[in-house]
Amino acid sequence: MAISGTIAIKDNINVKDQHVTCSSNILQGYISPYNATVIDNLEKVGTHLERAQSSYTDSYRQLNKGNDNLVLQATKLKNLGIKNKKELNQSIVNDAEIHKLTE
């Protein structure tokens, strides 16, 4: 799940180094020297979303990729007779098996 996209900003919101006209000829040619607070906040949210996506991807990789992934370890424990309170989702187990490295 990748996070990306483009948003449109109305021409009455200051975006640094971009034209701002407010739909008026008086401001024609005016270039904003700074960002409006909403633009800075949107950039911060985007940065946080990218970090969250990266953390999610890393966690998911640990969960079901490689020979020592957590799903396969739980499956091995179950096969040894250790009882668990909840069953693992079979699609997650299948995905972990597919991504298991050859030994």
PDB file of N, CA and C in Angstrom:
ATOM      1  N   MET A   1       0.840  -1.155   0.000  1.00  0.00           N
ATOM      2  CA  MET A   1       0.000   0.000   0.000  1.00  0.00           C
ATOM      3  C   MET A   1       0.894   1.230   0.000  1.00  0.00           C
ATOM      4  N   ALA A   2       0.974   1.893  -1.099  1.00  0.00           N
ATOM      5  CA  ALA A   2       1.818   3.082  -1.212  1.00  0.00           C
ATOM      6  C   ALA A   2       0.975   4.328  -1.018  1.00  0.00           C
ATOM      7  N   ILE A   3       1.565   5.307  -0.407  1.00  0.00           N
ATOM      8  CA  ILE A   3       0.879   6.566  -0.187  1.00  0.00           C
ATOM      9  C   ILE A   3       1.456   7.593  -1.149  1.00  0.00           C
ATOM     10  N   SER A   4       0.623   8.090  -1.995  1.00  0.00           N
ATOM     11  CA  SER A   4       1.076   9.128  -2.910  1.00  0.00           C
ATOM     12  C   SER A   4      -0.151   9.843  -3.443  1.00  0.00           C
ATOM     13  N   GLY A   5       0.083  10.956  -4.052  1.00  0.00           N
ATOM     14  CA  GLY A   5      -1.044  11.651  -4.630  1.00  0.00           C
ATOM     15  C   GLY A   5      -0.725  13.109  -4.877  1.00  0.00           C
ATOM     16  N   THR A   6      -1.661  13.763  -5.505  1.00  0.00           N
ATOM     17  CA  THR A   6      -1.539  15.167  -5.827  1.00  0.00           C
ATOM     18  C   THR A   6      -2.789  15.858  -5.333  1.00  0.00           C
ATOM     19  N   ILE A   7      -2.616  17.044  -4.804  1.00  0.00           N
ATOM     20  CA  ILE A   7      -3.779  17.815  -4.387  1.00  0.00           C
ATOM     21  C   ILE A   7      -3.768  19.148  -5.116  1.00  0.00           C
ATOM     22  N   ALA A   8      -4.941  19.708  -5.290  1.00  0.00           N
ATOM     23  CA  ALA A   8      -5.068  21.025  -5.916  1.00  0.00           C
ATOM     24  C   ALA A   8      -5.218  22.061  -4.815  1.00  0.00           C
ATOM     25  N   ILE A   9      -4.505  23.152  -4.942  1.00  0.00           N
ATOM     26  CA  ILE A   9      -4.566  24.239  -3.971  1.00  0.00           C
ATOM     27  C   ILE A   9      -5.161  25.463  -4.666  1.00  0.00           C
ATOM     28  N   LYS A  10      -6.218  25.990  -4.087  1.00  0.00           N
ATOM     29  CA  LYS A  10      -6.858  27.188  -4.650  1.00  0.00           C
ATOM     30  C   LYS A  10      -5.850  28.339  -4.675  1.00  0.00           C
ATOM     31  N   ASP A  11      -5.999  29.224  -5.624  1.00  0.00           N
ATOM     32  CA  ASP A  11      -5.005  30.291  -5.822  1.00  0.00           C
ATOM     33  C   ASP A  11      -5.092  31.417  -4.790  1.00  0.00           C
ATOM     34  N   ASN A  12      -5.847  31.212  -3.703  1.00  0.00           N
ATOM     35  CA  ASN A  12      -5.852  32.204  -2.634  1.00  0.00           C
ATOM     36  C   ASN A  12      -5.139  31.671  -1.381  1.00  0.00           C
ATOM     37  N   ILE A  13      -4.446  30.558  -1.519  1.00  0.00           N
ATOM     38  CA  ILE A  13      -3.656  29.988  -0.432  1.00  0.00           C
ATOM     39  C   ILE A  13      -2.188  30.096  -0.827  1.00  0.00           C
ATOM     40  N   ASN A  14      -1.405  30.699   0.036  1.00  0.00           N
ATOM     41  CA  ASN A  14       0.012  30.903  -0.267  1.00  0.00           C
ATOM     42  C   ASN A  14       0.788  29.590  -0.262  1.00  0.00           C
ATOM     43  N   VAL A  15       1.480  29.361  -1.359  1.00  0.00           N
ATOM     44  CA  VAL A  15       2.417  28.246  -1.474  1.00  0.00           C
ATOM     45  C   VAL A  15       3.735  28.861  -1.906  1.00  0.00           C
ATOM     46  N   LYS A  16       4.771  28.630  -1.110  1.00  0.00           N
ATOM     47  CA  LYS A  16       6.065  29.273  -1.361  1.00  0.00           C
ATOM     48  C   LYS A  16       6.516  29.085  -2.811  1.00  0.00           C
ATOM     49  N   ASP A  17       6.947  30.169  -3.406  1.00  0.00           N
ATOM     50  CA  ASP A  17       7.477  30.215  -4.779  1.00  0.00           C
ATOM     51  C   ASP A  17       6.431  29.903  -5.849  1.00  0.00           C
ATOM     52  N   GLN A  18       5.146  30.038  -5.499  1.00  0.00           N
ATOM     53  CA  GLN A  18       4.062  29.814  -6.466  1.00  0.00           C
ATOM     54  C   GLN A  18       3.247  31.101  -6.614  1.00  0.00           C
ATOM     55  N   HIS A  19       2.623  31.267  -7.773  1.00  0.00           N
ATOM     56  CA  HIS A  19       1.780  32.438  -8.023  1.00  0.00           C
ATOM     57  C   HIS A  19       0.527  32.390  -7.153  1.00  0.00           C
ATOM     58  N   VAL A  20       0.161  33.540  -6.609  1.00  0.00           N
ATOM     59  CA  VAL A  20      -1.069  33.688  -5.836  1.00  0.00           C
ATOM     60  C   VAL A  20      -1.808  34.870  -6.434  1.00  0.00           C
ATOM     61  N   THR A  21      -3.006  34.639  -6.966  1.00  0.00           N
ATOM     62  CA  THR A  21      -3.752  35.740  -7.574  1.00  0.00           C
ATOM     63  C   THR A  21      -5.042  36.055  -6.839  1.00  0.00           C
ATOM     64  N   CYS A  22      -5.556  35.118  -6.065  1.00  0.00           N
ATOM     65  CA  CYS A  22      -6.863  35.304  -5.403  1.00  0.00           C
ATOM     66  C   CYS A  22      -7.917  35.690  -6.438  1.00  0.00           C
ATOM     67  N   SER A  23      -7.767  35.183  -7.640  1.00  0.00           N
ATOM     68  CA  SER A  23      -8.678  35.478  -8.754  1.00  0.00           C
ATOM     69  C   SER A  23      -8.786  36.974  -9.022  1.00  0.00           C
ATOM     70  N   SER A  24      -7.686  37.688  -8.851  1.00  0.00           N
ATOM     71  CA  SER A  24      -7.685  39.143  -9.039  1.00  0.00           C
ATOM     72  C   SER A  24      -6.509  39.548  -9.912  1.00  0.00           C
ATOM     73  N   ASN A  25      -6.745  40.479 -10.813  1.00  0.00           N
ATOM     74  CA  ASN A  25      -5.661  40.997 -11.654  1.00  0.00           C
ATOM     75  C   ASN A  25      -4.667  41.845 -10.864  1.00  0.00           C
ATOM     76  N   ILE A  26      -5.084  42.356  -9.723  1.00  0.00           N
ATOM     77  CA  ILE A  26      -4.198  43.187  -8.909  1.00  0.00           C
ATOM     78  C   ILE A  26      -2.977  42.393  -8.462  1.00  0.00           C
ATOM     79  N   LEU A  27      -3.171  41.123  -8.139  1.00  0.00           N
ATOM     80  CA  LEU A  27      -2.068  40.287  -7.655  1.00  0.00           C
ATOM     81  C   LEU A  27      -1.371  39.504  -8.767  1.00  0.00           C
ATOM     82  N   GLN A  28      -1.716  39.798 -10.000  1.00  0.00           N
ATOM     83  CA  GLN A  28      -1.106  39.065 -11.108  1.00  0.00           C
ATOM     84  C   GLN A  28       0.411  39.217 -11.063  1.00  0.00           C
ATOM     85  N   GLY A  29       1.112  38.095 -11.112  1.00  0.00           N
ATOM     86  CA  GLY A  29       2.564  38.110 -11.070  1.00  0.00           C
ATOM     87  C   GLY A  29       3.136  38.007  -9.660  1.00  0.00           C
ATOM     88  N   TYR A  30       2.283  38.070  -8.630  1.00  0.00           N
ATOM     89  CA  TYR A  30       2.768  37.957  -7.249  1.00  0.00           C
ATOM     90  C   TYR A  30       3.140  36.514  -6.953  1.00  0.00           C
ATOM     91  N   ILE A  31       4.316  36.321  -6.401  1.00  0.00           N
ATOM     92  CA  ILE A  31       4.780  34.995  -6.006  1.00  0.00           C
ATOM     93  C   ILE A  31       4.960  34.992  -4.490  1.00  0.00           C
ATOM     94  N   SER A  32       4.328  34.046  -3.843  1.00  0.00           N
ATOM     95  CA  SER A  32       4.348  33.993  -2.379  1.00  0.00           C
ATOM     96  C   SER A  32       5.746  33.666  -1.855  1.00  0.00           C
ATOM     97  N   PRO A  33       6.220  34.421  -0.855  1.00  0.00           N
ATOM     98  CA  PRO A  33       7.530  34.143  -0.270  1.00  0.00           C
ATOM     99  C   PRO A  33       7.472  33.078   0.833  1.00  0.00           C
ATOM    100  N   TYR A  34       6.263  32.623   1.181  1.00  0.00           N
ATOM    101  CA  TYR A  34       6.124  31.651   2.270  1.00  0.00           C
ATOM    102  C   TYR A  34       4.914  30.753   2.020  1.00  0.00           C
ATOM    103  N   ASN A  35       4.829  29.676   2.801  1.00  0.00           N
ATOM    104  CA  ASN A  35       3.679  28.776   2.758  1.00  0.00           C
ATOM    105  C   ASN A  35       2.635  29.217   3.770  1.00  0.00           C
ATOM    106  N   ALA A  36       1.377  29.017   3.428  1.00  0.00           N
ATOM    107  CA  ALA A  36       0.313  29.175   4.409  1.00  0.00           C
ATOM    108  C   ALA A  36       0.440  28.040   5.419  1.00  0.00           C
ATOM    109  N   THR A  37      -0.055  28.245   6.622  1.00  0.00           N
ATOM    110  CA  THR A  37       0.035  27.234   7.679  1.00  0.00           C
ATOM    111  C   THR A  37      -0.574  25.909   7.237  1.00  0.00           C
ATOM    112  N   VAL A  38      -1.677  25.973   6.506  1.00  0.00           N
ATOM    113  CA  VAL A  38      -2.333  24.740   6.063  1.00  0.00           C
ATOM    114  C   VAL A  38      -1.405  23.930   5.152  1.00  0.00           C
ATOM    115  N   ILE A  39      -0.607  24.589   4.344  1.00  0.00           N
ATOM    116  CA  ILE A  39       0.336  23.891   3.461  1.00  0.00           C
ATOM    117  C   ILE A  39       1.416  23.208   4.293  1.00  0.00           C
ATOM    118  N   ASP A  40       1.968  23.932   5.282  1.00  0.00           N
ATOM    119  CA  ASP A  40       2.974  23.325   6.160  1.00  0.00           C
ATOM    120  C   ASP A  40       2.394  22.118   6.898  1.00  0.00           C
ATOM    121  N   ASN A  41       1.156  22.254   7.368  1.00  0.00           N
ATOM    122  CA  ASN A  41       0.522  21.145   8.081  1.00  0.00           C
ATOM    123  C   ASN A  41       0.285  19.943   7.172  1.00  0.00           C
ATOM    124  N   LEU A  42      -0.130  20.196   5.931  1.00  0.00           N
ATOM    125  CA  LEU A  42      -0.326  19.092   4.982  1.00  0.00           C
ATOM    126  C   LEU A  42       0.997  18.373   4.705  1.00  0.00           C
ATOM    127  N   GLU A  43       2.075  19.139   4.591  1.00  0.00           N
ATOM    128  CA  GLU A  43       3.390  18.518   4.362  1.00  0.00           C
ATOM    129  C   GLU A  43       3.800  17.676   5.566  1.00  0.00           C
ATOM    130  N   LYS A  44       3.519  18.159   6.787  1.00  0.00           N
ATOM    131  CA  LYS A  44       3.833  17.387   7.991  1.00  0.00           C
ATOM    132  C   LYS A  44       3.029  16.090   8.030  1.00  0.00           C
ATOM    133  N   VAL A  45       1.741  16.180   7.712  1.00  0.00           N
ATOM    134  CA  VAL A  45       0.897  14.984   7.691  1.00  0.00           C
ATOM    135  C   VAL A  45       1.426  13.989   6.663  1.00  0.00           C
ATOM    136  N   GLY A  46       1.810  14.485   5.490  1.00  0.00           N
ATOM    137  CA  GLY A  46       2.369  13.607   4.456  1.00  0.00           C
ATOM    138  C   GLY A  46       3.622  12.901   4.942  1.00  0.00           C
ATOM    139  N   THR A  47       4.490  13.621   5.638  1.00  0.00           N
ATOM    140  CA  THR A  47       5.712  13.023   6.176  1.00  0.00           C
ATOM    141  C   THR A  47       5.376  11.944   7.195  1.00  0.00           C
ATOM    142  N   HIS A  48       4.413  12.225   8.073  1.00  0.00           N
ATOM    143  CA  HIS A  48       4.018  11.236   9.081  1.00  0.00           C
ATOM    144  C   HIS A  48       3.386  10.003   8.432  1.00  0.00           C
ATOM    145  N   LEU A  49       2.589  10.213   7.397  1.00  0.00           N
ATOM    146  CA  LEU A  49       1.989   9.077   6.694  1.00  0.00           C
ATOM    147  C   LEU A  49       3.053   8.213   6.028  1.00  0.00           C
ATOM    148  N   GLU A  50       4.063   8.847   5.452  1.00  0.00           N
ATOM    149  CA  GLU A  50       5.149   8.090   4.831  1.00  0.00           C
ATOM    150  C   GLU A  50       5.910   7.275   5.875  1.00  0.00           C
ATOM    151  N   ARG A  51       6.164   7.868   7.051  1.00  0.00           N
ATOM    152  CA  ARG A  51       6.842   7.130   8.130  1.00  0.00           C
ATOM    153  C   ARG A  51       5.992   5.974   8.620  1.00  0.00           C
ATOM    154  N   ALA A  52       4.690   6.212   8.769  1.00  0.00           N
ATOM    155  CA  ALA A  52       3.783   5.149   9.210  1.00  0.00           C
ATOM    156  C   ALA A  52       3.762   4.014   8.196  1.00  0.00           C
ATOM    157  N   GLN A  53       3.744   4.353   6.908  1.00  0.00           N
ATOM    158  CA  GLN A  53       3.754   3.330   5.858  1.00  0.00           C
ATOM    159  C   GLN A  53       5.037   2.519   5.925  1.00  0.00           C
ATOM    160  N   SER A  54       6.160   3.175   6.145  1.00  0.00           N
ATOM    161  CA  SER A  54       7.444   2.488   6.247  1.00  0.00           C
ATOM    162  C   SER A  54       7.469   1.551   7.453  1.00  0.00           C
ATOM    163  N   SER A  55       6.963   2.016   8.590  1.00  0.00           N
ATOM    164  CA  SER A  55       6.914   1.176   9.795  1.00  0.00           C
ATOM    165  C   SER A  55       5.999  -0.020   9.579  1.00  0.00           C
ATOM    166  N   TYR A  56       4.866   0.198   8.931  1.00  0.00           N
ATOM    167  CA  TYR A  56       3.937  -0.886   8.635  1.00  0.00           C
ATOM    168  C   TYR A  56       4.603  -1.929   7.737  1.00  0.00           C
ATOM    169  N   THR A  57       5.283  -1.468   6.702  1.00  0.00           N
ATOM    170  CA  THR A  57       5.948  -2.379   5.772  1.00  0.00           C
ATOM    171  C   THR A  57       7.024  -3.195   6.484  1.00  0.00           C
ATOM    172  N   ASP A  58       7.826  -2.547   7.331  1.00  0.00           N
ATOM    173  CA  ASP A  58       8.863  -3.256   8.080  1.00  0.00           C
ATOM    174  C   ASP A  58       8.250  -4.290   9.023  1.00  0.00           C
ATOM    175  N   SER A  59       7.193  -3.923   9.713  1.00  0.00           N
ATOM    176  CA  SER A  59       6.529  -4.845  10.643  1.00  0.00           C
ATOM    177  C   SER A  59       5.934  -6.030   9.900  1.00  0.00           C
ATOM    178  N   TYR A  60       5.291  -5.770   8.779  1.00  0.00           N
ATOM    179  CA  TYR A  60       4.681  -6.847   7.995  1.00  0.00           C
ATOM    180  C   TYR A  60       5.759  -7.798   7.478  1.00  0.00           C
ATOM    181  N   ARG A  61       6.901  -7.246   7.087  1.00  0.00           N
ATOM    182  CA  ARG A  61       8.011  -8.071   6.609  1.00  0.00           C
ATOM    183  C   ARG A  61       8.487  -9.005   7.731  1.00  0.00           C
ATOM    184  N   GLN A  62       8.613  -8.484   8.940  1.00  0.00           N
ATOM    185  CA  GLN A  62       9.026  -9.315  10.071  1.00  0.00           C
ATOM    186  C   GLN A  62       7.984 -10.378  10.382  1.00  0.00           C
ATOM    187  N   LEU A  63       6.736 -10.042  10.171  1.00  0.00           N
ATOM    188  CA  LEU A  63       5.647 -10.963  10.473  1.00  0.00           C
ATOM    189  C   LEU A  63       5.646 -12.177   9.563  1.00  0.00           C
ATOM    190  N   ASN A  64       5.899 -11.989   8.274  1.00  0.00           N
ATOM    191  CA  ASN A  64       5.683 -13.128   7.373  1.00  0.00           C
ATOM    192  C   ASN A  64       6.728 -13.338   6.283  1.00  0.00           C
ATOM    193  N   LYS A  65       7.914 -12.779   6.414  1.00  0.00           N
ATOM    194  CA  LYS A  65       8.938 -13.007   5.383  1.00  0.00           C
ATOM    195  C   LYS A  65      10.165 -13.656   6.009  1.00  0.00           C
ATOM    196  N   GLY A  66      10.793 -14.557   5.272  1.00  0.00           N
ATOM    197  CA  GLY A  66      12.011 -15.221   5.747  1.00  0.00           C
ATOM    198  C   GLY A  66      11.720 -16.435   6.606  1.00  0.00           C
ATOM    199  N   ASN A  67      12.761 -17.210   6.894  1.00  0.00           N
ATOM    200  CA  ASN A  67      12.593 -18.457   7.640  1.00  0.00           C
ATOM    201  C   ASN A  67      12.254 -18.249   9.112  1.00  0.00           C
ATOM    202  N   ASP A  68      12.655 -17.165   9.696  1.00  0.00           N
ATOM    203  CA  ASP A  68      12.403 -16.922  11.113  1.00  0.00           C
ATOM    204  C   ASP A  68      11.240 -15.972  11.332  1.00  0.00           C
ATOM    205  N   ASN A  69      10.336 -15.887  10.375  1.00  0.00           N
ATOM    206  CA  ASN A  69       9.227 -14.957  10.549  1.00  0.00           C
ATOM    207  C   ASN A  69       8.294 -15.440  11.654  1.00  0.00           C
ATOM    208  N   LEU A  70       7.574 -14.519  12.235  1.00  0.00           N
ATOM    209  CA  LEU A  70       6.740 -14.804  13.396  1.00  0.00           C
ATOM    210  C   LEU A  70       5.612 -15.779  13.096  1.00  0.00           C
ATOM    211  N   VAL A  71       5.044 -15.714  11.907  1.00  0.00           N
ATOM    212  CA  VAL A  71       3.946 -16.616  11.558  1.00  0.00           C
ATOM    213  C   VAL A  71       4.449 -18.058  11.506  1.00  0.00           C
ATOM    214  N   LEU A  72       5.582 -18.294  10.871  1.00  0.00           N
ATOM    215  CA  LEU A  72       6.109 -19.655  10.800  1.00  0.00           C
ATOM    216  C   LEU A  72       6.522 -20.168  12.182  1.00  0.00           C
ATOM    217  N   GLN A  73       7.059 -19.288  13.029  1.00  0.00           N
ATOM    218  CA  GLN A  73       7.415 -19.703  14.384  1.00  0.00           C
ATOM    219  C   GLN A  73       6.172 -20.131  15.155  1.00  0.00           C
ATOM    220  N   ALA A  74       5.085 -19.381  15.034  1.00  0.00           N
ATOM    221  CA  ALA A  74       3.831 -19.732  15.704  1.00  0.00           C
ATOM    222  C   ALA A  74       3.282 -21.048  15.171  1.00  0.00           C
ATOM    223  N   THR A  75       3.393 -21.260  13.859  1.00  0.00           N
ATOM    224  CA  THR A  75       2.929 -22.506  13.252  1.00  0.00           C
ATOM    225  C   THR A  75       3.746 -23.693  13.758  1.00  0.00           C
ATOM    226  N   LYS A  76       5.056 -23.527  13.869  1.00  0.00           N
ATOM    227  CA  LYS A  76       5.927 -24.591  14.384  1.00  0.00           C
ATOM    228  C   LYS A  76       5.569 -24.936  15.829  1.00  0.00           C
ATOM    229  N   LEU A  77       5.321 -23.921  16.652  1.00  0.00           N
ATOM    230  CA  LEU A  77       4.930 -24.160  18.038  1.00  0.00           C
ATOM    231  C   LEU A  77       3.618 -24.923  18.113  1.00  0.00           C
ATOM    232  N   LYS A  78       2.676 -24.561  17.251  1.00  0.00           N
ATOM    233  CA  LYS A  78       1.388 -25.261  17.212  1.00  0.00           C
ATOM    234  C   LYS A  78       1.590 -26.716  16.808  1.00  0.00           C
ATOM    235  N   ASN A  79       2.468 -26.944  15.839  1.00  0.00           N
ATOM    236  CA  ASN A  79       2.742 -28.323  15.394  1.00  0.00           C
ATOM    237  C   ASN A  79       3.420 -29.151  16.480  1.00  0.00           C
ATOM    238  N   LEU A  80       4.097 -28.495  17.415  1.00  0.00           N
ATOM    239  CA  LEU A  80       4.721 -29.190  18.541  1.00  0.00           C
ATOM    240  C   LEU A  80       3.715 -29.503  19.648  1.00  0.00           C
ATOM    241  N   GLY A  81       2.476 -29.043  19.480  1.00  0.00           N
ATOM    242  CA  GLY A  81       1.432 -29.344  20.441  1.00  0.00           C
ATOM    243  C   GLY A  81       1.108 -28.227  21.408  1.00  0.00           C
ATOM    244  N   ILE A  82       1.728 -27.089  21.253  1.00  0.00           N
ATOM    245  CA  ILE A  82       1.436 -25.967  22.134  1.00  0.00           C
ATOM    246  C   ILE A  82       0.116 -25.353  21.692  1.00  0.00           C
ATOM    247  N   LYS A  83      -0.782 -25.202  22.660  1.00  0.00           N
ATOM    248  CA  LYS A  83      -2.110 -24.690  22.333  1.00  0.00           C
ATOM    249  C   LYS A  83      -2.085 -23.168  22.283  1.00  0.00           C
ATOM    250  N   ASN A  84      -2.860 -22.638  21.372  1.00  0.00           N
ATOM    251  CA  ASN A  84      -2.966 -21.189  21.247  1.00  0.00           C
ATOM    252  C   ASN A  84      -4.415 -20.779  21.445  1.00  0.00           C
ATOM    253  N   LYS A  85      -4.616 -19.542  21.847  1.00  0.00           N
ATOM    254  CA  LYS A  85      -5.964 -19.049  22.109  1.00  0.00           C
ATOM    255  C   LYS A  85      -6.700 -18.701  20.822  1.00  0.00           C
ATOM    256  N   LYS A  86      -5.963 -18.220  19.831  1.00  0.00           N
ATOM    257  CA  LYS A  86      -6.581 -17.805  18.571  1.00  0.00           C
ATOM    258  C   LYS A  86      -5.867 -18.478  17.411  1.00  0.00           C
ATOM    259  N   GLU A  87      -6.627 -18.743  16.392  1.00  0.00           N
ATOM    260  CA  GLU A  87      -6.065 -19.333  15.173  1.00  0.00           C
ATOM    261  C   GLU A  87      -5.519 -18.220  14.277  1.00  0.00           C
ATOM    262  N   LEU A  88      -4.432 -18.521  13.605  1.00  0.00           N
ATOM    263  CA  LEU A  88      -3.892 -17.581  12.619  1.00  0.00           C
ATOM    264  C   LEU A  88      -4.738 -17.634  11.356  1.00  0.00           C
ATOM    265  N   ASN A  89      -4.906 -16.499  10.746  1.00  0.00           N
ATOM    266  CA  ASN A  89      -5.616 -16.427   9.479  1.00  0.00           C
ATOM    267  C   ASN A  89      -4.847 -17.255   8.450  1.00  0.00           C
ATOM    268  N   GLN A  90      -5.534 -18.174   7.786  1.00  0.00           N
ATOM    269  CA  GLN A  90      -4.873 -19.098   6.860  1.00  0.00           C
ATOM    270  C   GLN A  90      -4.191 -18.376   5.705  1.00  0.00           C
ATOM    271  N   SER A  91      -4.738 -17.252   5.262  1.00  0.00           N
ATOM    272  CA  SER A  91      -4.099 -16.530   4.153  1.00  0.00           C
ATOM    273  C   SER A  91      -2.758 -15.950   4.592  1.00  0.00           C
ATOM    274  N   ILE A  92      -2.641 -15.555   5.873  1.00  0.00           N
ATOM    275  CA  ILE A  92      -1.359 -15.056   6.383  1.00  0.00           C
ATOM    276  C   ILE A  92      -0.351 -16.195   6.473  1.00  0.00           C
ATOM    277  N   VAL A  93      -0.818 -17.362   6.922  1.00  0.00           N
ATOM    278  CA  VAL A  93       0.065 -18.529   7.006  1.00  0.00           C
ATOM    279  C   VAL A  93       0.539 -18.918   5.606  1.00  0.00           C
ATOM    280  N   ASN A  94      -0.366 -18.944   4.643  1.00  0.00           N
ATOM    281  CA  ASN A  94       0.005 -19.288   3.266  1.00  0.00           C
ATOM    282  C   ASN A  94       1.007 -18.288   2.707  1.00  0.00           C
ATOM    283  N   ASP A  95       0.793 -17.000   2.979  1.00  0.00           N
ATOM    284  CA  ASP A  95       1.708 -15.960   2.504  1.00  0.00           C
ATOM    285  C   ASP A  95       3.091 -16.152   3.117  1.00  0.00           C
ATOM    286  N   ALA A  96       3.147 -16.511   4.399  1.00  0.00           N
ATOM    287  CA  ALA A  96       4.428 -16.744   5.071  1.00  0.00           C
ATOM    288  C   ALA A  96       5.136 -17.948   4.464  1.00  0.00           C
ATOM    289  N   GLU A  97       4.394 -18.968   4.122  1.00  0.00           N
ATOM    290  CA  GLU A  97       4.994 -20.160   3.499  1.00  0.00           C
ATOM    291  C   GLU A  97       5.586 -19.814   2.126  1.00  0.00           C
ATOM    292  N   ILE A  98       4.876 -18.998   1.386  1.00  0.00           N
ATOM    293  CA  ILE A  98       5.343 -18.597   0.055  1.00  0.00           C
ATOM    294  C   ILE A  98       6.646 -17.808   0.158  1.00  0.00           C
ATOM    295  N   HIS A  99       6.752 -16.934   1.182  1.00  0.00           N
ATOM    296  CA  HIS A  99       7.913 -16.074   1.312  1.00  0.00           C
ATOM    297  C   HIS A  99       9.028 -16.697   2.138  1.00  0.00           C
ATOM    298  N   LYS A 100       8.879 -17.957   2.525  1.00  0.00           N
ATOM    299  CA  LYS A 100       9.923 -18.624   3.278  1.00  0.00           C
ATOM    300  C   LYS A 100      11.139 -18.820   2.365  1.00  0.00           C
ATOM    301  N   LEU A 101      12.296 -18.542   2.898  1.00  0.00           N
ATOM    302  CA  LEU A 101      13.513 -18.691   2.116  1.00  0.00           C
ATOM    303  C   LEU A 101      13.873 -20.162   2.025  1.00  0.00           C
ATOM    304  N   THR A 102      14.469 -20.563   0.921  1.00  0.00           N
ATOM    305  CA  THR A 102      14.894 -21.952   0.796  1.00  0.00           C
ATOM    306  C   THR A 102      16.060 -22.219   1.727  1.00  0.00           C
ATOM    307  N   GLU A 103      15.965 -23.344   2.415  1.00  0.00           N
ATOM    308  CA  GLU A 103      17.003 -23.660   3.416  1.00  0.00           C
ATOM    309  C   GLU A 103      18.111 -24.473   2.800  1.00  0.00           C
TER     310      GLU A 103
END
